[in-house]
Amino acid sequence: MATETKSLYAKLQEMDVRYVYLLMLIVISAPVLKPIGLPLGTISTETTRLYQYINNLKSRDIIVMEADQSPAAAAECQPAMVANLYHAVSKGLRVLFFCPRTDAVPFVEDAMKLVLGASSDHPNYGKLYVNLGYLPQGEIGLAGLASNIFFTNRDAYGNDLRAMEFFKDLPNKNARDWKLIIYYGASEADHDVRQVTDPYGCPTGGGVAAVLVTRMYPYYPDKIIGFQTGLRGAAEYELLVKRPGEAAAGMDAQSLGHLAIVIMVVIGNIGYYASRKKPSEGE
């Protein structure tokens, strides 16, 4: 009795599912290891407005980066901070970091080392970049910092703030000297509006987890001038500054992963219908 030769479609339908997982692993891993920077379509107005605002700032203008991202939210927020820091460095801006939560402290260090190559030992630390570290008491701490730039007295490394060149030419020594405060996290940016934007006129920006977007729009664009929404917003900003990074890699992986799934579904359905049309044995 001759052995029936199985068609390609039949073989695909009987394929070990582990090969599907292997294919997905390869498709997702490749852009993570080397970002492609696939087109994202139209870049959102929210991201573009934040980019344009920072791009129009003058050298040595001050922006404040508030790192409130937990480890859970960092996947969405950290790439936004890194992309914004690249932009700020390219513009010669002064950047002041602080963290209202302890578990966000390492993310500031990581961003500085990734973009600047160093943190407290960078040649321009204390001149263009200052890290205040953990600022306790949440909104109360922010209010204190906004009212007095020397609220913490010392930076995250124990250095005296009053001895730093960063603060020497500031006329007000409060948030009126800031051009922008950017909130990174998944909790709330409302406190920046209440404690910084409303009393001192310094606008707020954001690099927020997607779940926080609904709390941004009531203030956008008058008080929150622009923001990056989740991983996509961070990827958009990376493409605007022409530095594809973690966010672009993540979006590439998502796009290619979805494409691979669609192709496999199409092939599977074609195989299913082709096998149904084949006469069964004995007919």
Protein backbone atom coordinates (compact mmCIF):
# COMPACT_ATOMS: atom_id res chain seq x y z
CA MET A 1 0.00 0.00 0.00
CA ALA A 2 1.48 3.32 -1.11
CA THR A 3 2.07 5.97 1.52
CA GLU A 4 0.00 9.06 0.92
CA THR A 5 2.11 12.18 0.43
CA LYS A 6 0.92 14.97 2.68
CA SER A 7 0.47 18.41 1.19
CA LEU A 8 2.39 21.43 2.43
CA TYR A 9 -0.78 22.81 4.05
CA ALA A 10 -1.34 19.56 5.92
CA LYS A 11 2.25 19.60 7.18
CA LEU A 12 1.88 23.22 8.35
CA GLN A 13 -1.29 22.38 10.29
CA GLU A 14 0.46 19.49 11.99
CA MET A 15 3.62 21.48 12.75
CA ASP A 16 4.88 21.39 16.33
CA VAL A 17 3.64 24.54 18.07
CA ARG A 18 7.10 25.09 19.51
CA TYR A 19 8.28 26.18 16.08
CA VAL A 20 5.68 28.95 16.17
CA TYR A 21 7.02 30.14 19.52
CA LEU A 22 10.57 30.02 18.14
CA LEU A 23 9.55 32.08 15.12
CA MET A 24 7.90 34.69 17.38
CA LEU A 25 11.00 34.79 19.58
CA ILE A 26 13.21 35.50 16.55
CA VAL A 27 10.83 38.11 15.11
CA ILE A 28 10.52 39.98 18.41
CA SER A 29 14.16 39.68 19.50
CA ALA A 30 15.73 41.01 16.30
CA PRO A 31 14.44 44.61 16.55
CA VAL A 32 15.01 44.66 20.33
CA LEU A 33 18.69 43.89 19.74
CA LYS A 34 18.94 46.33 16.83
CA PRO A 35 16.11 48.90 16.50
CA ILE A 36 14.87 49.36 12.96
CA GLY A 37 12.86 52.56 13.44
CA LEU A 38 9.84 51.45 11.44
CA PRO A 39 7.52 54.30 10.46
CA LEU A 40 4.89 54.97 13.11
CA GLY A 41 2.52 56.80 10.84
CA THR A 42 1.48 60.30 11.83
CA ILE A 43 3.29 61.49 14.95
CA SER A 44 0.79 62.67 17.54
CA THR A 45 0.21 66.36 18.12
CA GLU A 46 0.87 65.89 21.85
CA THR A 47 4.38 64.56 21.19
CA THR A 48 5.09 67.13 18.49
CA ARG A 49 4.08 70.04 20.71
CA LEU A 50 6.44 68.92 23.48
CA TYR A 51 9.28 68.48 20.98
CA GLN A 52 8.70 71.90 19.42
CA TYR A 53 8.52 73.61 22.80
CA ILE A 54 11.87 72.14 23.92
CA ASN A 55 13.37 72.79 20.50
CA ASN A 56 12.53 76.49 20.82
CA LEU A 57 14.23 76.89 24.20
CA LYS A 58 17.50 78.78 24.40
CA SER A 59 20.85 77.47 25.54
CA ARG A 60 21.11 77.22 29.36
CA ASP A 61 17.35 77.44 29.86
CA ILE A 62 16.29 75.17 32.72
CA ILE A 63 14.01 72.16 32.45
CA VAL A 64 13.12 69.98 35.43
CA MET A 65 12.70 66.23 35.00
CA GLU A 66 10.53 64.62 37.68
CA ALA A 67 11.22 60.88 37.73
CA ASP A 68 8.13 59.26 39.29
CA GLN A 69 8.27 56.02 37.27
CA SER A 70 8.05 52.80 39.23
CA PRO A 71 9.83 49.72 37.86
CA ALA A 72 6.45 48.67 36.42
CA ALA A 73 5.96 51.98 34.57
CA ALA A 74 9.60 52.39 33.54
CA ALA A 75 9.16 50.36 30.35
CA GLU A 76 6.91 53.15 29.04
CA CYS A 77 8.38 56.19 30.81
CA GLN A 78 12.14 55.66 30.90
CA PRO A 79 12.62 55.79 27.10
CA ALA A 80 10.73 59.10 27.10
CA MET A 81 13.09 60.55 29.71
CA VAL A 82 16.12 59.36 27.78
CA ALA A 83 14.84 60.83 24.50
CA ASN A 84 14.05 64.16 26.19
CA LEU A 85 17.49 64.23 27.80
CA TYR A 86 19.17 63.64 24.44
CA HIS A 87 17.21 66.61 23.09
CA ALA A 88 18.06 68.80 26.08
CA VAL A 89 21.77 68.00 25.79
CA SER A 90 21.77 68.79 22.07
CA LYS A 91 20.21 72.18 22.85
CA GLY A 92 22.66 73.00 25.65
CA LEU A 93 19.87 73.19 28.24
CA ARG A 94 20.29 72.89 31.98
CA VAL A 95 18.53 69.86 33.46
CA LEU A 96 17.49 69.45 37.08
CA PHE A 97 16.39 65.95 38.18
CA PHE A 98 14.45 64.88 41.23
CA CYS A 99 12.47 61.81 42.31
CA PRO A 100 9.33 61.85 44.47
CA ARG A 101 9.67 58.09 45.02
CA THR A 102 12.68 56.09 46.14
CA ASP A 103 12.42 53.33 43.53
CA ALA A 104 12.77 55.90 40.73
CA VAL A 105 16.21 57.07 41.88
CA PRO A 106 18.17 54.48 39.82
CA PHE A 107 16.35 55.54 36.65
CA VAL A 108 17.85 59.03 36.80
CA GLU A 109 21.32 57.55 37.18
CA ASP A 110 20.67 55.18 34.26
CA ALA A 111 19.46 58.00 32.01
CA MET A 112 22.45 60.21 32.81
CA LYS A 113 24.94 57.42 32.22
CA LEU A 114 23.26 56.38 28.97
CA VAL A 115 23.07 59.89 27.50
CA LEU A 116 26.03 61.65 29.16
CA GLY A 117 28.28 58.67 29.78
CA ALA A 118 28.53 59.62 33.47
CA SER A 119 26.48 61.05 36.33
CA SER A 120 28.05 63.01 39.21
CA ASP A 121 31.52 62.66 37.69
CA HIS A 122 30.53 64.24 34.38
CA PRO A 123 32.55 67.43 33.60
CA ASN A 124 29.34 69.47 33.31
CA TYR A 125 27.75 68.11 36.45
CA GLY A 126 26.92 71.08 38.67
CA LYS A 127 27.04 73.34 35.61
CA LEU A 128 24.42 71.94 33.24
CA TYR A 129 23.11 68.92 35.13
CA VAL A 130 22.10 68.47 38.76
CA ASN A 131 20.45 65.45 40.38
CA LEU A 132 18.61 66.20 43.62
CA GLY A 133 17.76 62.53 44.15
CA TYR A 134 14.83 61.57 46.33
CA LEU A 135 12.56 64.46 47.36
CA PRO A 136 10.24 63.22 50.14
CA GLN A 137 6.61 64.11 50.94
CA GLY A 138 5.31 64.04 47.39
CA GLU A 139 3.37 67.16 46.47
CA ILE A 140 4.48 68.99 49.62
CA GLY A 141 8.11 68.37 48.67
CA LEU A 142 7.46 69.63 45.16
CA ALA A 143 5.83 72.77 46.54
CA GLY A 144 8.90 73.38 48.71
CA LEU A 145 11.27 72.93 45.77
CA ALA A 146 9.17 75.19 43.54
CA SER A 147 9.22 77.96 46.16
CA ASN A 148 12.94 77.63 46.95
CA ILE A 149 15.44 76.03 44.57
CA PHE A 150 17.72 75.36 47.56
CA PHE A 151 14.95 73.53 49.44
CA THR A 152 17.05 70.35 49.68
CA ASN A 153 20.34 72.22 50.37
CA ARG A 154 22.34 69.36 48.85
CA ASP A 155 22.14 67.15 45.80
CA ALA A 156 21.88 63.36 45.67
CA TYR A 157 25.65 63.03 46.20
CA GLY A 158 25.97 65.41 49.16
CA ASN A 159 27.21 68.45 47.23
CA ASP A 160 26.22 71.94 48.36
CA LEU A 161 23.73 73.39 45.83
CA ARG A 162 24.72 77.00 46.57
CA ALA A 163 28.27 76.28 45.46
CA MET A 164 27.18 75.05 42.01
CA GLU A 165 27.46 77.15 38.86
CA PHE A 166 24.07 75.77 37.77
CA PHE A 167 22.24 78.13 40.18
CA LYS A 168 24.48 81.22 40.13
CA ASP A 169 22.60 83.37 37.61
CA LEU A 170 19.02 82.52 38.64
CA PRO A 171 17.20 85.75 39.56
CA ASN A 172 14.30 84.24 41.52
CA LYS A 173 15.73 80.99 42.90
CA ASN A 174 12.32 79.37 42.45
CA ALA A 175 10.14 77.83 39.73
CA ARG A 176 9.88 81.16 37.91
CA ASP A 177 13.38 80.41 36.68
CA TRP A 178 12.25 77.13 35.12
CA LYS A 179 11.09 76.92 31.52
CA LEU A 180 9.46 73.48 31.78
CA ILE A 181 8.83 70.66 34.23
CA ILE A 182 8.35 67.20 32.71
CA TYR A 183 6.57 64.49 34.69
CA TYR A 184 7.48 60.84 34.07
CA GLY A 185 5.29 58.20 35.68
CA ALA A 186 1.89 56.59 36.04
CA SER A 187 0.52 58.36 39.13
CA GLU A 188 -0.46 61.96 38.43
CA ALA A 189 0.88 65.06 36.77
CA ASP A 190 -1.84 67.18 38.39
CA HIS A 191 0.47 68.20 41.23
CA ASP A 192 2.91 69.78 38.76
CA VAL A 193 0.08 71.93 37.42
CA ARG A 194 -1.06 72.88 40.93
CA GLN A 195 2.34 73.55 42.46
CA VAL A 196 4.41 74.77 39.50
CA THR A 197 2.34 75.83 36.50
CA ASP A 198 -0.47 77.72 38.23
CA PRO A 199 1.56 79.65 40.84
CA TYR A 200 4.79 80.22 38.88
CA GLY A 201 3.78 80.08 35.20
CA CYS A 202 6.14 77.22 34.32
CA PRO A 203 4.37 74.85 31.89
CA THR A 204 4.18 71.11 32.43
CA GLY A 205 5.09 68.33 30.01
CA GLY A 206 4.98 64.58 30.34
CA GLY A 207 6.34 61.19 29.43
CA VAL A 208 3.57 59.15 30.97
CA ALA A 209 2.26 55.61 31.02
CA ALA A 210 -0.71 55.21 28.71
CA VAL A 211 -3.09 54.70 31.64
CA LEU A 212 -2.45 58.29 32.78
CA VAL A 213 -3.43 59.99 29.52
CA THR A 214 -7.01 60.72 30.59
CA ARG A 215 -5.65 62.84 33.44
CA MET A 216 -3.47 64.86 31.08
CA TYR A 217 -6.09 66.04 28.60
CA PRO A 218 -8.05 68.34 30.97
CA TYR A 219 -4.89 70.50 31.21
CA TYR A 220 -3.75 70.12 27.60
CA PRO A 221 -2.60 72.26 25.81
CA ASP A 222 -2.88 75.37 28.01
CA LYS A 223 -1.05 74.13 31.11
CA ILE A 224 0.35 70.79 29.97
CA ILE A 225 1.89 71.90 26.69
CA GLY A 226 2.58 68.41 25.34
CA PHE A 227 3.31 64.85 26.40
CA GLN A 228 4.45 61.44 25.24
CA THR A 229 1.84 58.70 25.62
CA GLY A 230 3.30 55.38 26.68
CA LEU A 231 5.80 53.48 24.57
CA ARG A 232 4.45 54.86 21.31
CA GLY A 233 4.86 58.47 22.43
CA ALA A 234 8.43 57.77 23.53
CA ALA A 235 9.15 56.10 20.18
CA GLU A 236 7.73 59.12 18.35
CA TYR A 237 10.06 61.40 20.29
CA GLU A 238 13.04 59.14 19.57
CA LEU A 239 12.32 59.43 15.86
CA LEU A 240 11.95 63.22 16.13
CA VAL A 241 15.40 63.52 17.71
CA LYS A 242 16.72 60.90 15.26
CA ARG A 243 17.87 58.52 18.01
CA PRO A 244 15.86 55.28 17.84
CA GLY A 245 16.21 53.51 21.17
CA GLU A 246 14.28 51.25 23.53
CA ALA A 247 10.87 52.65 22.63
CA ALA A 248 11.43 52.36 18.87
CA ALA A 249 12.74 48.83 19.43
CA GLY A 250 9.65 47.99 21.46
CA MET A 251 7.34 49.37 18.79
CA ASP A 252 9.32 47.53 16.09
CA ALA A 253 8.93 44.30 18.04
CA GLN A 254 5.20 44.87 18.47
CA SER A 255 4.71 45.70 14.79
CA LEU A 256 6.72 42.74 13.50
CA GLY A 257 5.14 40.41 16.05
CA HIS A 258 1.64 41.46 14.98
CA LEU A 259 2.61 41.08 11.32
CA ALA A 260 3.94 37.57 11.95
CA ILE A 261 0.73 36.59 13.73
CA VAL A 262 -1.42 37.96 10.87
CA ILE A 263 0.64 36.04 8.28
CA MET A 264 0.38 32.80 10.27
CA VAL A 265 -3.37 33.23 10.69
CA VAL A 266 -3.80 33.81 6.95
CA ILE A 267 -1.66 30.78 6.05
CA GLY A 268 -3.50 28.66 8.61
CA ASN A 269 -6.90 29.61 7.20
CA ILE A 270 -5.78 28.96 3.63
CA GLY A 271 -4.52 25.54 4.70
CA TYR A 272 -7.74 24.77 6.52
CA TYR A 273 -9.97 25.59 3.56
CA ALA A 274 -7.62 23.80 1.15
CA SER A 275 -7.77 20.65 3.24
CA ARG A 276 -11.59 20.79 3.38
CA LYS A 277 -11.78 20.77 -0.42
CA LYS A 278 -9.58 17.70 -0.70
CA PRO A 279 -11.68 14.49 -1.19
CA SER A 280 -11.52 12.23 1.81
CA GLU A 281 -10.07 8.72 1.45
CA GLY A 282 -12.55 6.27 -0.17
CA GLU A 283 -14.66 8.88 -1.97
